[in-house]
Every structure is written in C-alpha cells, then in structure tokens.
C-alpha atoms as a PDB file:
ATOM      1  CA  UNK A   1       0.000   0.000   0.000  1.00  0.00           C
ATOM      2  CA  UNK A   2       1.368   3.378  -1.065  1.00  0.00           C
ATOM      3  CA  UNK A   3       0.731   6.676   0.712  1.00  0.00           C
ATOM      4  CA  UNK A   4      -0.402   9.113  -1.962  1.00  0.00           C
ATOM      5  CA  UNK A   5      -1.654  12.120   0.036  1.00  0.00           C
ATOM      6  CA  UNK A   6      -0.542  13.580   3.357  1.00  0.00           C
ATOM      7  CA  UNK A   7      -2.063  16.063   5.785  1.00  0.00           C
ATOM      8  CA  UNK A   8      -1.086  19.679   5.211  1.00  0.00           C
ATOM      9  CA  UNK A   9       0.608  21.766   7.854  1.00  0.00           C
ATOM     10  CA  UNK A  10      -0.266  25.023   6.069  1.00  0.00           C
ATOM     11  CA  UNK A  11      -3.489  25.773   7.927  1.00  0.00           C
ATOM     12  CA  UNK A  12      -1.836  24.939  11.237  1.00  0.00           C
ATOM     13  CA  UNK A  13       0.966  27.391  10.448  1.00  0.00           C
ATOM     14  CA  UNK A  14      -1.464  30.141   9.456  1.00  0.00           C
ATOM     15  CA  UNK A  15      -3.508  29.776  12.631  1.00  0.00           C
ATOM     16  CA  UNK A  16      -0.368  29.663  14.777  1.00  0.00           C
ATOM     17  CA  UNK A  17       0.907  32.915  13.274  1.00  0.00           C
ATOM     18  CA  UNK A  18      -2.499  34.549  13.771  1.00  0.00           C
ATOM     19  CA  UNK A  19      -2.680  33.356  17.382  1.00  0.00           C
ATOM     20  CA  UNK A  20       0.816  34.611  18.212  1.00  0.00           C
ATOM     21  CA  UNK A  21       0.067  37.942  16.532  1.00  0.00           C
ATOM     22  CA  UNK A  22      -3.229  38.484  18.353  1.00  0.00           C
ATOM     23  CA  UNK A  23      -1.857  37.511  21.745  1.00  0.00           C
ATOM     24  CA  UNK A  24       1.223  39.631  21.105  1.00  0.00           C
ATOM     25  CA  UNK A  25      -0.932  42.651  20.312  1.00  0.00           C
ATOM     26  CA  UNK A  26      -3.035  42.100  23.410  1.00  0.00           C
ATOM     27  CA  UNK A  27       0.025  41.706  25.654  1.00  0.00           C
ATOM     28  CA  UNK A  28       1.635  44.786  24.122  1.00  0.00           C
ATOM     29  CA  UNK A  29      -1.627  46.693  24.530  1.00  0.00           C
ATOM     30  CA  UNK A  30      -1.961  45.616  28.146  1.00  0.00           C
ATOM     31  CA  UNK A  31       1.426  47.130  28.955  1.00  0.00           C
ATOM     32  CA  UNK A  32       0.386  50.664  28.070  1.00  0.00           C
ATOM     33  CA  UNK A  33       0.096  53.122  30.928  1.00  0.00           C
ATOM     34  CA  UNK A  34      -3.632  53.820  30.526  1.00  0.00           C
ATOM     35  CA  UNK A  35      -4.572  50.169  30.768  1.00  0.00           C
ATOM     36  CA  UNK A  36      -2.170  49.476  33.638  1.00  0.00           C
ATOM     37  CA  UNK A  37      -3.892  52.131  35.718  1.00  0.00           C
ATOM     38  CA  UNK A  38      -7.358  50.661  35.017  1.00  0.00           C
ATOM     39  CA  UNK A  39      -7.623  47.083  36.352  1.00  0.00           C
ATOM     40  CA  UNK A  40     -11.056  46.561  34.715  1.00  0.00           C
ATOM     41  CA  UNK A  41      -9.537  46.859  31.232  1.00  0.00           C
ATOM     42  CA  UNK A  42      -6.715  44.521  32.238  1.00  0.00           C
ATOM     43  CA  UNK A  43      -9.259  41.857  33.193  1.00  0.00           C
ATOM     44  CA  UNK A  44     -10.905  42.139  29.781  1.00  0.00           C
ATOM     45  CA  UNK A  45      -7.566  41.794  28.024  1.00  0.00           C
ATOM     46  CA  UNK A  46      -6.668  38.699  30.051  1.00  0.00           C
ATOM     47  CA  UNK A  47     -10.133  37.306  29.325  1.00  0.00           C
ATOM     48  CA  UNK A  48      -9.533  37.857  25.590  1.00  0.00           C
ATOM     49  CA  UNK A  49      -6.131  36.150  25.785  1.00  0.00           C
ATOM     50  CA  UNK A  50      -7.724  33.219  27.615  1.00  0.00           C
ATOM     51  CA  UNK A  51     -10.512  32.977  25.030  1.00  0.00           C
ATOM     52  CA  UNK A  52      -8.038  33.053  22.110  1.00  0.00           C
ATOM     53  CA  UNK A  53      -5.967  30.380  23.844  1.00  0.00           C
ATOM     54  CA  UNK A  54      -8.949  28.079  24.376  1.00  0.00           C
ATOM     55  CA  UNK A  55     -10.079  28.483  20.747  1.00  0.00           C
ATOM     56  CA  UNK A  56      -6.531  27.839  19.515  1.00  0.00           C
ATOM     57  CA  UNK A  57      -6.177  24.721  21.694  1.00  0.00           C
ATOM     58  CA  UNK A  58      -9.487  23.369  20.365  1.00  0.00           C
ATOM     59  CA  UNK A  59      -8.243  23.920  16.821  1.00  0.00           C
ATOM     60  CA  UNK A  60      -4.886  22.264  17.566  1.00  0.00           C
ATOM     61  CA  UNK A  61      -6.544  19.220  19.114  1.00  0.00           C
ATOM     62  CA  UNK A  62      -8.874  18.850  16.117  1.00  0.00           C
ATOM     63  CA  UNK A  63      -5.935  19.286  13.717  1.00  0.00           C
ATOM     64  CA  UNK A  64      -3.892  16.536  15.356  1.00  0.00           C
ATOM     65  CA  UNK A  65      -6.867  14.165  15.335  1.00  0.00           C
ATOM     66  CA  UNK A  66      -6.656  14.070  11.515  1.00  0.00           C
ATOM     67  CA  UNK A  67      -4.440  11.174  10.341  1.00  0.00           C
ATOM     68  CA  UNK A  68      -1.124  12.102   8.714  1.00  0.00           C
ATOM     69  CA  UNK A  69      -1.598   9.790   5.740  1.00  0.00           C
ATOM     70  CA  UNK A  70      -4.948  10.885   4.311  1.00  0.00           C
ATOM     71  CA  UNK A  71      -4.914   8.900   1.070  1.00  0.00           C
ATOM     72  CA  UNK A  72      -3.442   5.453   0.471  1.00  0.00           C
ATOM     73  CA  UNK A  73      -3.638   3.306  -2.614  1.00  0.00           C
ATOM     74  CA  UNK A  74      -3.007  -0.264  -3.680  1.00  0.00           C
ATOM     75  CA  UNK A  75      -3.572  -2.122  -6.963  1.00  0.00           C
ATOM     76  CA  UNK A  76      -7.362  -2.334  -6.600  1.00  0.00           C
ATOM     77  CA  UNK A  77      -8.579   0.310  -4.136  1.00  0.00           C
ATOM     78  CA  UNK A  78      -8.134   3.883  -2.983  1.00  0.00           C
ATOM     79  CA  UNK A  79      -8.354   4.415   0.800  1.00  0.00           C
ATOM     80  CA  UNK A  80      -9.463   7.769   2.216  1.00  0.00           C
ATOM     81  CA  UNK A  81      -8.679   8.122   5.921  1.00  0.00           C
ATOM     82  CA  UNK A  82     -10.829  10.463   7.994  1.00  0.00           C
ATOM     83  CA  UNK A  83     -10.948  11.154  11.747  1.00  0.00           C
ATOM     84  CA  UNK A  84     -13.471   8.481  12.588  1.00  0.00           C
ATOM     85  CA  UNK A  85     -13.806   6.290   9.511  1.00  0.00           C
ATOM     86  CA  UNK A  86     -12.165   5.097   6.318  1.00  0.00           C
ATOM     87  CA  UNK A  87     -13.668   5.131   2.819  1.00  0.00           C
ATOM     88  CA  UNK A  88     -12.609   2.373   0.436  1.00  0.00           C
ATOM     89  CA  UNK A  89     -13.119   3.213  -3.236  1.00  0.00           C
ATOM     90  CA  UNK A  90     -12.536   0.610  -5.954  1.00  0.00           C
ATOM     91  CA  UNK A  91     -10.374   2.042  -8.743  1.00  0.00           C
ATOM     92  CA  UNK A  92     -12.855   0.770 -11.334  1.00  0.00           C
ATOM     93  CA  UNK A  93     -15.569   3.095  -9.966  1.00  0.00           C
ATOM     94  CA  UNK A  94     -13.509   6.301 -10.143  1.00  0.00           C
ATOM     95  CA  UNK A  95     -14.596   8.661 -12.918  1.00  0.00           C
ATOM     96  CA  UNK A  96     -12.374  11.650 -12.180  1.00  0.00           C
ATOM     97  CA  UNK A  97     -10.107  13.346  -9.670  1.00  0.00           C
ATOM     98  CA  UNK A  98     -10.099  17.136  -9.211  1.00  0.00           C
ATOM     99  CA  UNK A  99      -8.028  19.345  -6.933  1.00  0.00           C
ATOM    100  CA  UNK A 100      -8.941  22.744  -5.535  1.00  0.00           C
ATOM    101  CA  UNK A 101      -6.252  24.841  -3.870  1.00  0.00           C
ATOM    102  CA  UNK A 102      -7.081  26.964  -0.844  1.00  0.00           C
ATOM    103  CA  UNK A 103      -7.278  30.676  -1.591  1.00  0.00           C
ATOM    104  CA  UNK A 104      -7.283  33.640   0.708  1.00  0.00           C
ATOM    105  CA  UNK A 105      -7.687  37.085  -0.800  1.00  0.00           C
ATOM    106  CA  UNK A 106      -4.853  37.293  -3.355  1.00  0.00           C
ATOM    107  CA  UNK A 107      -2.862  34.322  -2.072  1.00  0.00           C
ATOM    108  CA  UNK A 108      -3.127  30.770  -3.370  1.00  0.00           C
ATOM    109  CA  UNK A 109      -1.681  28.013  -1.209  1.00  0.00           C
ATOM    110  CA  UNK A 110      -0.413  24.584  -2.242  1.00  0.00           C
ATOM    111  CA  UNK A 111      -2.762  22.774   0.133  1.00  0.00           C
ATOM    112  CA  UNK A 112      -6.449  22.301  -0.483  1.00  0.00           C
ATOM    113  CA  UNK A 113      -9.213  19.800  -1.193  1.00  0.00           C
ATOM    114  CA  UNK A 114      -9.326  16.767  -3.427  1.00  0.00           C
ATOM    115  CA  UNK A 115     -12.627  15.703  -5.006  1.00  0.00           C
ATOM    116  CA  UNK A 116     -12.939  12.108  -6.195  1.00  0.00           C
ATOM    117  CA  UNK A 117     -15.930  11.446  -8.425  1.00  0.00           C
ATOM    118  CA  UNK A 118     -17.244   7.897  -8.625  1.00  0.00           C
ATOM    119  CA  UNK A 119     -20.240   6.373 -10.358  1.00  0.00           C
ATOM    120  CA  UNK A 120     -22.352   6.651  -7.203  1.00  0.00           C
ATOM    121  CA  UNK A 121     -20.890   9.409  -5.012  1.00  0.00           C
ATOM    122  CA  UNK A 122     -18.409  12.280  -4.827  1.00  0.00           C
ATOM    123  CA  UNK A 123     -15.815  12.000  -2.045  1.00  0.00           C
ATOM    124  CA  UNK A 124     -13.588  14.805  -0.826  1.00  0.00           C
ATOM    125  CA  UNK A 125     -10.536  15.127   1.370  1.00  0.00           C
ATOM    126  CA  UNK A 126      -9.624  18.510   2.857  1.00  0.00           C
ATOM    127  CA  UNK A 127      -6.365  19.785   4.388  1.00  0.00           C
ATOM    128  CA  UNK A 128      -4.354  17.898   1.798  1.00  0.00           C
ATOM    129  CA  UNK A 129      -0.755  18.939   1.109  1.00  0.00           C
ATOM    130  CA  UNK A 130       0.183  19.488  -2.561  1.00  0.00           C
ATOM    131  CA  UNK A 131      -3.340  18.694  -3.701  1.00  0.00           C
ATOM    132  CA  UNK A 132      -2.665  19.194  -7.418  1.00  0.00           C
ATOM    133  CA  UNK A 133       0.357  16.860  -7.373  1.00  0.00           C
ATOM    134  CA  UNK A 134      -1.703  14.257  -5.505  1.00  0.00           C
ATOM    135  CA  UNK A 135      -4.499  14.612  -8.075  1.00  0.00           C
ATOM    136  CA  UNK A 136      -2.155  14.058 -11.003  1.00  0.00           C
ATOM    137  CA  UNK A 137      -0.443  11.159  -9.201  1.00  0.00           C
ATOM    138  CA  UNK A 138      -3.771   9.404  -8.557  1.00  0.00           C
ATOM    139  CA  UNK A 139      -4.870  10.017 -12.155  1.00  0.00           C
ATOM    140  CA  UNK A 140      -1.612   8.562 -13.465  1.00  0.00           C
ATOM    141  CA  UNK A 141      -1.830   5.499 -11.229  1.00  0.00           C
ATOM    142  CA  UNK A 142      -5.482   5.095 -12.156  1.00  0.00           C
ATOM    143  CA  UNK A 143      -4.584   5.175 -15.861  1.00  0.00           C
ATOM    144  CA  UNK A 144      -1.782   2.645 -15.304  1.00  0.00           C
ATOM    145  CA  UNK A 145      -4.101   0.334 -13.361  1.00  0.00           C
ATOM    146  CA  UNK A 146      -6.802   0.513 -16.036  1.00  0.00           C
ATOM    147  CA  UNK A 147      -4.358  -0.056 -18.885  1.00  0.00           C
ATOM    148  CA  UNK A 148      -2.826  -3.086 -17.130  1.00  0.00           C
ATOM    149  CA  UNK A 149      -6.330  -4.513 -16.554  1.00  0.00           C
ATOM    150  CA  UNK A 150      -7.181  -4.144 -20.254  1.00  0.00           C
ATOM    151  CA  UNK A 151      -3.985  -5.878 -21.392  1.00  0.00           C
ATOM    152  CA  UNK A 152      -4.547  -8.790 -19.006  1.00  0.00           C
ATOM    153  CA  UNK A 153      -8.066  -9.425 -20.396  1.00  0.00           C
END
C-alpha cells in the first residue's frame, strides 16, 4: 500500500501565526500606561487572551486528530482516511479526480481539497498537502491500473 496524500501543515501554520500575533498585540496593549492604571480593562484583556488560547487549543486538538496519511492506494482500491472512519473506493468506480487549492484574498496556497468522483458518489478530502500533485499522481496510477487490466483481459 502506497501513501499518496498527506495532511497539510499550512493551515496549522497560518492559525499559529495569527494566534501569536493576536496575543502579542493584546500583551503589548496591556502594557500601556492607561490600561495598567485601570484594572477593569486589564481583566478584559486577560479574558480575551484566555478565550483566544482556548479556541486555539481546540483547533490544535482537532488538527492533530486528523491522520497524517490521508490517502493510500493499492492495486485495486483507494483508501481515504478520515478522523473516525475510512472510505474504500474501488479504482474501477472512479470517474475523475479534481483538486482545488485553498485561496485567501490574493494568495493561493499549495494545500487544499481533493474531489474524487465515482459512479455513485463524490468524495472529498480537505487539508491535503500538494493537492494538485496528488491529483495528477492518482490520475496517473489510475490510468496505469486501467491499462494493465485491459492488457490482461
């Protein structure tokens, strides 16, 4: 079994930078003279820092619950690993594989979602590193598997 797609660390990095920036601004803001003299404002700032920390910890725990190897493949099936279950897709049923990179304003990242269309359902995997490379790799392996099946018949 070959690991085709891995979990992206891009979203984790973005949220970590945002968290550090927000907490840094709040700590810097709490050190100003006007806020130091007013303890009520200090309590609100510490409450905001605590709230940001709790939200960040919830995100981190949900991020690390996603398996590292999201997509695996063998000669007959494609395996999509999720937090609580695993989808097994026969290669014969796959119609197409499409990738969609994550975009934010004017930036396009290398991580994103992968959509796998089958005869009965459309599957997707999010937080996938190098989604376009994974899409082309699956398509190539799918073509190779189908061509080897036709020559053996």
